[in-house]
PDB file of N, CA and C in Angstrom:
ATOM      1  N   MET A   1     -81.817  11.137 -38.398  1.00  0.00           N
ATOM      2  CA  MET A   1     -82.602  12.165 -37.735  1.00  0.00           C
ATOM      3  C   MET A   1     -82.530  13.485 -38.499  1.00  0.00           C
ATOM      4  N   VAL A   2     -81.327  13.843 -38.954  1.00  0.00           N
ATOM      5  CA  VAL A   2     -81.186  15.100 -39.698  1.00  0.00           C
ATOM      6  C   VAL A   2     -82.014  15.047 -40.976  1.00  0.00           C
ATOM      7  N   ARG A   3     -81.934  13.948 -41.682  1.00  0.00           N
ATOM      8  CA  ARG A   3     -82.681  13.837 -42.935  1.00  0.00           C
ATOM      9  C   ARG A   3     -84.190  13.923 -42.694  1.00  0.00           C
ATOM     10  N   LEU A   4     -84.685  13.242 -41.685  1.00  0.00           N
ATOM     11  CA  LEU A   4     -86.119  13.319 -41.371  1.00  0.00           C
ATOM     12  C   LEU A   4     -86.534  14.747 -41.060  1.00  0.00           C
ATOM     13  N   SER A   5     -85.724  15.447 -40.282  1.00  0.00           N
ATOM     14  CA  SER A   5     -86.095  16.781 -39.810  1.00  0.00           C
ATOM     15  C   SER A   5     -85.873  17.871 -40.844  1.00  0.00           C
ATOM     16  N   THR A   6     -85.196  17.558 -41.938  1.00  0.00           N
ATOM     17  CA  THR A   6     -85.028  18.540 -43.008  1.00  0.00           C
ATOM     18  C   THR A   6     -85.844  18.181 -44.240  1.00  0.00           C
ATOM     19  N   GLU A   7     -86.481  17.030 -44.226  1.00  0.00           N
ATOM     20  CA  GLU A   7     -87.274  16.595 -45.376  1.00  0.00           C
ATOM     21  C   GLU A   7     -88.674  16.169 -44.964  1.00  0.00           C
ATOM     22  N   GLY A   8     -89.341  16.994 -44.189  1.00  0.00           N
ATOM     23  CA  GLY A   8     -90.748  16.731 -43.917  1.00  0.00           C
ATOM     24  C   GLY A   8     -91.152  16.581 -42.464  1.00  0.00           C
ATOM     25  N   GLN A   9     -90.230  16.453 -41.550  1.00  0.00           N
ATOM     26  CA  GLN A   9     -90.586  16.245 -40.145  1.00  0.00           C
ATOM     27  C   GLN A   9     -90.140  17.402 -39.247  1.00  0.00           C
ATOM     28  N   CYS A  10     -89.925  18.588 -39.815  1.00  0.00           N
ATOM     29  CA  CYS A  10     -89.434  19.713 -39.014  1.00  0.00           C
ATOM     30  C   CYS A  10     -90.454  20.146 -37.952  1.00  0.00           C
ATOM     31  N   PHE A  11     -91.736  20.077 -38.263  1.00  0.00           N
ATOM     32  CA  PHE A  11     -92.739  20.445 -37.263  1.00  0.00           C
ATOM     33  C   PHE A  11     -92.793  19.411 -36.141  1.00  0.00           C
ATOM     34  N   THR A  12     -92.581  18.152 -36.479  1.00  0.00           N
ATOM     35  CA  THR A  12     -92.533  17.101 -35.466  1.00  0.00           C
ATOM     36  C   THR A  12     -91.366  17.331 -34.513  1.00  0.00           C
ATOM     37  N   LEU A  13     -90.239  17.773 -35.057  1.00  0.00           N
ATOM     38  CA  LEU A  13     -89.094  18.120 -34.214  1.00  0.00           C
ATOM     39  C   LEU A  13     -89.462  19.262 -33.271  1.00  0.00           C
ATOM     40  N   PHE A  14     -90.140  20.271 -33.787  1.00  0.00           N
ATOM     41  CA  PHE A  14     -90.582  21.376 -32.933  1.00  0.00           C
ATOM     42  C   PHE A  14     -91.462  20.866 -31.799  1.00  0.00           C
ATOM     43  N   GLN A  15     -92.380  19.967 -32.088  1.00  0.00           N
ATOM     44  CA  GLN A  15     -93.266  19.447 -31.051  1.00  0.00           C
ATOM     45  C   GLN A  15     -92.477  18.718 -29.964  1.00  0.00           C
ATOM     46  N   ALA A  16     -91.447  17.985 -30.351  1.00  0.00           N
ATOM     47  CA  ALA A  16     -90.615  17.284 -29.368  1.00  0.00           C
ATOM     48  C   ALA A  16     -89.835  18.277 -28.509  1.00  0.00           C
ATOM     49  N   VAL A  17     -89.288  19.302 -29.141  1.00  0.00           N
ATOM     50  CA  VAL A  17     -88.541  20.322 -28.396  1.00  0.00           C
ATOM     51  C   VAL A  17     -89.475  21.056 -27.441  1.00  0.00           C
ATOM     52  N   ARG A  18     -90.652  21.384 -27.901  1.00  0.00           N
ATOM     53  CA  ARG A  18     -91.614  22.118 -27.067  1.00  0.00           C
ATOM     54  C   ARG A  18     -92.065  21.289 -25.859  1.00  0.00           C
ATOM     55  N   ALA A  19     -92.074  19.980 -25.991  1.00  0.00           N
ATOM     56  CA  ALA A  19     -92.438  19.124 -24.856  1.00  0.00           C
ATOM     57  C   ALA A  19     -91.401  19.248 -23.739  1.00  0.00           C
ATOM     58  N   ILE A  20     -90.166  19.513 -24.098  1.00  0.00           N
ATOM     59  CA  ILE A  20     -89.098  19.664 -23.104  1.00  0.00           C
ATOM     60  C   ILE A  20     -88.960  21.102 -22.654  1.00  0.00           C
ATOM     61  N   TRP A  21     -89.019  22.033 -23.622  1.00  0.00           N
ATOM     62  CA  TRP A  21     -88.910  23.462 -23.328  1.00  0.00           C
ATOM     63  C   TRP A  21     -90.194  24.154 -23.775  1.00  0.00           C
ATOM     64  N   PRO A  22     -91.152  24.327 -22.883  1.00  0.00           N
ATOM     65  CA  PRO A  22     -92.452  24.907 -23.253  1.00  0.00           C
ATOM     66  C   PRO A  22     -92.364  26.324 -23.806  1.00  0.00           C
ATOM     67  N   GLN A  23     -91.269  27.024 -23.560  1.00  0.00           N
ATOM     68  CA  GLN A  23     -91.122  28.386 -24.062  1.00  0.00           C
ATOM     69  C   GLN A  23     -90.711  28.436 -25.535  1.00  0.00           C
ATOM     70  N   ALA A  24     -90.429  27.298 -26.141  1.00  0.00           N
ATOM     71  CA  ALA A  24     -90.041  27.248 -27.556  1.00  0.00           C
ATOM     72  C   ALA A  24     -91.200  27.709 -28.435  1.00  0.00           C
ATOM     73  N   GLU A  25     -90.856  28.437 -29.502  1.00  0.00           N
ATOM     74  CA  GLU A  25     -91.859  28.912 -30.453  1.00  0.00           C
ATOM     75  C   GLU A  25     -91.480  28.469 -31.859  1.00  0.00           C
ATOM     76  N   ALA A  26     -92.471  28.163 -32.669  1.00  0.00           N
ATOM     77  CA  ALA A  26     -92.247  27.749 -34.054  1.00  0.00           C
ATOM     78  C   ALA A  26     -92.224  28.966 -34.963  1.00  0.00           C
ATOM     79  N   LEU A  27     -91.243  29.007 -35.850  1.00  0.00           N
ATOM     80  CA  LEU A  27     -91.144  30.034 -36.879  1.00  0.00           C
ATOM     81  C   LEU A  27     -91.152  29.317 -38.227  1.00  0.00           C
ATOM     82  N   TYR A  28     -91.897  29.862 -39.186  1.00  0.00           N
ATOM     83  CA  TYR A  28     -92.050  29.184 -40.470  1.00  0.00           C
ATOM     84  C   TYR A  28     -91.543  30.054 -41.604  1.00  0.00           C
ATOM     85  N   SER A  29     -90.818  29.442 -42.513  1.00  0.00           N
ATOM     86  CA  SER A  29     -90.372  30.097 -43.738  1.00  0.00           C
ATOM     87  C   SER A  29     -91.144  29.476 -44.898  1.00  0.00           C
ATOM     88  N   MET A  30     -91.980  30.274 -45.524  1.00  0.00           N
ATOM     89  CA  MET A  30     -92.760  29.760 -46.642  1.00  0.00           C
ATOM     90  C   MET A  30     -91.851  29.465 -47.843  1.00  0.00           C
ATOM     91  N   SER A  31     -90.822  30.270 -48.048  1.00  0.00           N
ATOM     92  CA  SER A  31     -89.938  30.049 -49.194  1.00  0.00           C
ATOM     93  C   SER A  31     -89.170  28.737 -49.075  1.00  0.00           C
ATOM     94  N   GLU A  32     -88.833  28.351 -47.861  1.00  0.00           N
ATOM     95  CA  GLU A  32     -88.120  27.094 -47.633  1.00  0.00           C
ATOM     96  C   GLU A  32     -89.072  25.940 -47.293  1.00  0.00           C
ATOM     97  N   GLY A  33     -90.277  26.273 -46.855  1.00  0.00           N
ATOM     98  CA  GLY A  33     -91.203  25.244 -46.389  1.00  0.00           C
ATOM     99  C   GLY A  33     -90.631  24.542 -45.174  1.00  0.00           C
ATOM    100  N   HIS A  34     -90.067  25.330 -44.257  1.00  0.00           N
ATOM    101  CA  HIS A  34     -89.324  24.752 -43.131  1.00  0.00           C
ATOM    102  C   HIS A  34     -89.689  25.458 -41.832  1.00  0.00           C
ATOM    103  N   VAL A  35     -89.775  24.686 -40.759  1.00  0.00           N
ATOM    104  CA  VAL A  35     -90.054  25.219 -39.431  1.00  0.00           C
ATOM    105  C   VAL A  35     -88.736  25.331 -38.665  1.00  0.00           C
ATOM    106  N   TYR A  36     -88.496  26.502 -38.126  1.00  0.00           N
ATOM    107  CA  TYR A  36     -87.366  26.750 -37.241  1.00  0.00           C
ATOM    108  C   TYR A  36     -87.906  26.871 -35.828  1.00  0.00           C
ATOM    109  N   ILE A  37     -87.020  26.784 -34.851  1.00  0.00           N
ATOM    110  CA  ILE A  37     -87.423  26.851 -33.447  1.00  0.00           C
ATOM    111  C   ILE A  37     -86.742  28.039 -32.789  1.00  0.00           C
ATOM    112  N   SER A  38     -87.544  28.919 -32.227  1.00  0.00           N
ATOM    113  CA  SER A  38     -87.015  30.045 -31.465  1.00  0.00           C
ATOM    114  C   SER A  38     -86.966  29.625 -30.001  1.00  0.00           C
ATOM    115  N   LEU A  39     -85.760  29.651 -29.438  1.00  0.00           N
ATOM    116  CA  LEU A  39     -85.591  29.182 -28.066  1.00  0.00           C
ATOM    117  C   LEU A  39     -84.494  29.975 -27.379  1.00  0.00           C
ATOM    118  N   ASP A  40     -84.842  30.635 -26.308  1.00  0.00           N
ATOM    119  CA  ASP A  40     -83.885  31.367 -25.476  1.00  0.00           C
ATOM    120  C   ASP A  40     -82.999  32.320 -26.276  1.00  0.00           C
ATOM    121  N   GLY A  41     -83.603  33.078 -27.172  1.00  0.00           N
ATOM    122  CA  GLY A  41     -82.884  34.102 -27.916  1.00  0.00           C
ATOM    123  C   GLY A  41     -82.184  33.628 -29.168  1.00  0.00           C
ATOM    124  N   GLY A  42     -82.236  32.349 -29.475  1.00  0.00           N
ATOM    125  CA  GLY A  42     -81.610  31.821 -30.684  1.00  0.00           C
ATOM    126  C   GLY A  42     -82.631  31.158 -31.577  1.00  0.00           C
ATOM    127  N   ILE A  43     -82.282  31.010 -32.843  1.00  0.00           N
ATOM    128  CA  ILE A  43     -83.129  30.319 -33.810  1.00  0.00           C
ATOM    129  C   ILE A  43     -82.409  29.027 -34.189  1.00  0.00           C
ATOM    130  N   HIS A  44     -83.107  27.901 -34.064  1.00  0.00           N
ATOM    131  CA  HIS A  44     -82.489  26.590 -34.249  1.00  0.00           C
ATOM    132  C   HIS A  44     -83.311  25.723 -35.189  1.00  0.00           C
ATOM    133  N   ASP A  45     -82.667  24.710 -35.734  1.00  0.00           N
ATOM    134  CA  ASP A  45     -83.344  23.577 -36.351  1.00  0.00           C
ATOM    135  C   ASP A  45     -82.492  22.353 -36.031  1.00  0.00           C
ATOM    136  N   ILE A  46     -82.710  21.252 -36.693  1.00  0.00           N
ATOM    137  CA  ILE A  46     -82.001  20.017 -36.367  1.00  0.00           C
ATOM    138  C   ILE A  46     -80.490  20.169 -36.536  1.00  0.00           C
ATOM    139  N   ARG A  47     -80.062  21.120 -37.364  1.00  0.00           N
ATOM    140  CA  ARG A  47     -78.630  21.324 -37.608  1.00  0.00           C
ATOM    141  C   ARG A  47     -77.968  22.210 -36.561  1.00  0.00           C
ATOM    142  N   GLY A  48     -78.749  22.687 -35.591  1.00  0.00           N
ATOM    143  CA  GLY A  48     -78.197  23.539 -34.542  1.00  0.00           C
ATOM    144  C   GLY A  48     -78.652  24.983 -34.698  1.00  0.00           C
ATOM    145  N   ARG A  49     -77.928  25.892 -34.050  1.00  0.00           N
ATOM    146  CA  ARG A  49     -78.282  27.305 -34.118  1.00  0.00           C
ATOM    147  C   ARG A  49     -78.007  27.839 -35.511  1.00  0.00           C
ATOM    148  N   GLN A  50     -78.971  28.602 -36.026  1.00  0.00           N
ATOM    149  CA  GLN A  50     -78.873  29.137 -37.384  1.00  0.00           C
ATOM    150  C   GLN A  50     -78.654  30.648 -37.341  1.00  0.00           C
ATOM    151  N   PHE A  51     -77.740  31.111 -38.159  1.00  0.00           N
ATOM    152  CA  PHE A  51     -77.434  32.535 -38.209  1.00  0.00           C
ATOM    153  C   PHE A  51     -77.849  33.164 -39.539  1.00  0.00           C
ATOM    154  N   ARG A  52     -77.865  32.383 -40.608  1.00  0.00           N
ATOM    155  CA  ARG A  52     -78.345  32.863 -41.910  1.00  0.00           C
ATOM    156  C   ARG A  52     -79.789  32.409 -42.062  1.00  0.00           C
ATOM    157  N   LEU A  53     -80.680  33.326 -41.788  1.00  0.00           N
ATOM    158  CA  LEU A  53     -82.105  32.982 -41.762  1.00  0.00           C
ATOM    159  C   LEU A  53     -82.821  33.553 -42.982  1.00  0.00           C
ATOM    160  N   PRO A  54     -83.854  32.887 -43.436  1.00  0.00           N
ATOM    161  CA  PRO A  54     -84.638  33.416 -44.549  1.00  0.00           C
ATOM    162  C   PRO A  54     -85.352  34.705 -44.135  1.00  0.00           C
ATOM    163  N   THR A  55     -85.572  35.576 -45.093  1.00  0.00           N
ATOM    164  CA  THR A  55     -86.194  36.869 -44.791  1.00  0.00           C
ATOM    165  C   THR A  55     -87.687  36.759 -44.512  1.00  0.00           C
ATOM    166  N   ASP A  56     -88.308  35.648 -44.897  1.00  0.00           N
ATOM    167  CA  ASP A  56     -89.752  35.512 -44.702  1.00  0.00           C
ATOM    168  C   ASP A  56     -90.122  34.701 -43.454  1.00  0.00           C
ATOM    169  N   LEU A  57     -89.237  34.613 -42.503  1.00  0.00           N
ATOM    170  CA  LEU A  57     -89.483  33.846 -41.272  1.00  0.00           C
ATOM    171  C   LEU A  57     -90.552  34.538 -40.427  1.00  0.00           C
ATOM    172  N   ARG A  58     -91.610  33.814 -40.107  1.00  0.00           N
ATOM    173  CA  ARG A  58     -92.741  34.366 -39.341  1.00  0.00           C
ATOM    174  C   ARG A  58     -93.163  33.374 -38.262  1.00  0.00           C
ATOM    175  N   PRO A  59     -93.720  33.883 -37.156  1.00  0.00           N
ATOM    176  CA  PRO A  59     -94.239  32.974 -36.114  1.00  0.00           C
ATOM    177  C   PRO A  59     -95.348  32.096 -36.681  1.00  0.00           C
ATOM    178  N   LEU A  60     -95.293  30.838 -36.359  1.00  0.00           N
ATOM    179  CA  LEU A  60     -96.309  29.895 -36.827  1.00  0.00           C
ATOM    180  C   LEU A  60     -97.491  29.870 -35.886  1.00  0.00           C
ATOM    181  N   GLY A  61     -97.262  30.109 -34.625  1.00  0.00           N
ATOM    182  CA  GLY A  61     -98.348  30.102 -33.661  1.00  0.00           C
ATOM    183  C   GLY A  61     -98.805  28.690 -33.350  1.00  0.00           C
ATOM    184  N   HIS A  62     -99.880  28.584 -32.635  1.00  0.00           N
ATOM    185  CA  HIS A  62    -100.383  27.281 -32.222  1.00  0.00           C
ATOM    186  C   HIS A  62    -101.473  26.776 -33.152  1.00  0.00           C
ATOM    187  N   ARG A  63    -101.669  27.470 -34.258  1.00  0.00           N
ATOM    188  CA  ARG A  63    -102.677  27.043 -35.222  1.00  0.00           C
ATOM    189  C   ARG A  63    -102.025  26.257 -36.356  1.00  0.00           C
ATOM    190  N   ALA A  64    -100.934  25.625 -36.074  1.00  0.00           N
ATOM    191  CA  ALA A  64    -100.190  24.897 -37.099  1.00  0.00           C
ATOM    192  C   ALA A  64    -101.037  23.784 -37.698  1.00  0.00           C
ATOM    193  N   PRO A  65    -100.845  23.525 -38.962  1.00  0.00           N
ATOM    194  CA  PRO A  65    -101.616  22.458 -39.606  1.00  0.00           C
ATOM    195  C   PRO A  65    -101.433  21.121 -38.903  1.00  0.00           C
ATOM    196  N   HIS A  66    -102.505  20.509 -38.497  1.00  0.00           N
ATOM    197  CA  HIS A  66    -102.427  19.253 -37.756  1.00  0.00           C
ATOM    198  C   HIS A  66    -102.122  18.075 -38.669  1.00  0.00           C
ATOM    199  N   ARG A  67    -102.178  18.267 -39.963  1.00  0.00           N
ATOM    200  CA  ARG A  67    -101.934  17.172 -40.893  1.00  0.00           C
ATOM    201  C   ARG A  67    -100.497  17.131 -41.401  1.00  0.00           C
ATOM    202  N   TRP A  68     -99.672  18.052 -40.961  1.00  0.00           N
ATOM    203  CA  TRP A  68     -98.286  18.056 -41.419  1.00  0.00           C
ATOM    204  C   TRP A  68     -97.644  16.722 -41.108  1.00  0.00           C
ATOM    205  N   ALA A  69     -96.929  16.218 -42.063  1.00  0.00           N
ATOM    206  CA  ALA A  69     -96.134  14.993 -41.949  1.00  0.00           C
ATOM    207  C   ALA A  69     -96.974  13.726 -41.838  1.00  0.00           C
ATOM    208  N   ARG A  70     -98.259  13.806 -41.993  1.00  0.00           N
ATOM    209  CA  ARG A  70     -99.059  12.575 -41.935  1.00  0.00           C
ATOM    210  C   ARG A  70     -98.779  11.668 -43.120  1.00  0.00           C
ATOM    211  N   TRP A  71     -98.425  12.253 -44.254  1.00  0.00           N
ATOM    212  CA  TRP A  71     -98.096  11.462 -45.438  1.00  0.00           C
ATOM    213  C   TRP A  71     -96.754  10.773 -45.302  1.00  0.00           C
ATOM    214  N   ASP A  72     -95.933  11.254 -44.409  1.00  0.00           N
ATOM    215  CA  ASP A  72     -94.568  10.767 -44.248  1.00  0.00           C
ATOM    216  C   ASP A  72     -94.532   9.714 -43.153  1.00  0.00           C
ATOM    217  N   HIS A  73     -94.359   8.463 -43.523  1.00  0.00           N
ATOM    218  CA  HIS A  73     -94.407   7.379 -42.563  1.00  0.00           C
ATOM    219  C   HIS A  73     -93.020   6.932 -42.101  1.00  0.00           C
ATOM    220  N   ARG A  74     -91.983   7.694 -42.486  1.00  0.00           N
ATOM    221  CA  ARG A  74     -90.643   7.346 -42.017  1.00  0.00           C
ATOM    222  C   ARG A  74     -90.556   7.652 -40.522  1.00  0.00           C
ATOM    223  N   ARG A  75     -89.903   6.810 -39.791  1.00  0.00           N
ATOM    224  CA  ARG A  75     -89.743   7.012 -38.356  1.00  0.00           C
ATOM    225  C   ARG A  75     -88.320   6.622 -37.964  1.00  0.00           C
ATOM    226  N   LEU A  76     -87.893   7.124 -36.839  1.00  0.00           N
ATOM    227  CA  LEU A  76     -86.597   6.728 -36.313  1.00  0.00           C
ATOM    228  C   LEU A  76     -86.680   5.290 -35.849  1.00  0.00           C
ATOM    229  N   SER A  77     -85.623   4.556 -36.044  1.00  0.00           N
ATOM    230  CA  SER A  77     -85.573   3.185 -35.553  1.00  0.00           C
ATOM    231  C   SER A  77     -84.242   2.957 -34.860  1.00  0.00           C
ATOM    232  N   GLN A  78     -84.200   1.964 -34.016  1.00  0.00           N
ATOM    233  CA  GLN A  78     -82.982   1.692 -33.267  1.00  0.00           C
ATOM    234  C   GLN A  78     -82.096   0.727 -34.007  1.00  0.00           C
TER     235      GLN A  78
END
C-alpha cells in the first residue's frame, strides 16, 4: 500500500480518504509530483502526518486531473 501511494496512486488515496472524511482537501507539490491530504489541521500522506513539507504545496481543488493513475494498473490484492 505504501509503495502504491508513493509511486503513482497518491490521488487515489486522497479519493478514498475523502469518501470517509468529506472535509479532507488535496494539496499538490509540483516539485515532488505528490498529493498530500489536509485533514483536521494536519497534513498527511500514506506515511502518516507530515511535518517537513515542500515549499510549493498548493490546494489541488476539485479540478484534479481525471486521468491520474490510469496508466498504473497495479492494485491491492489480498
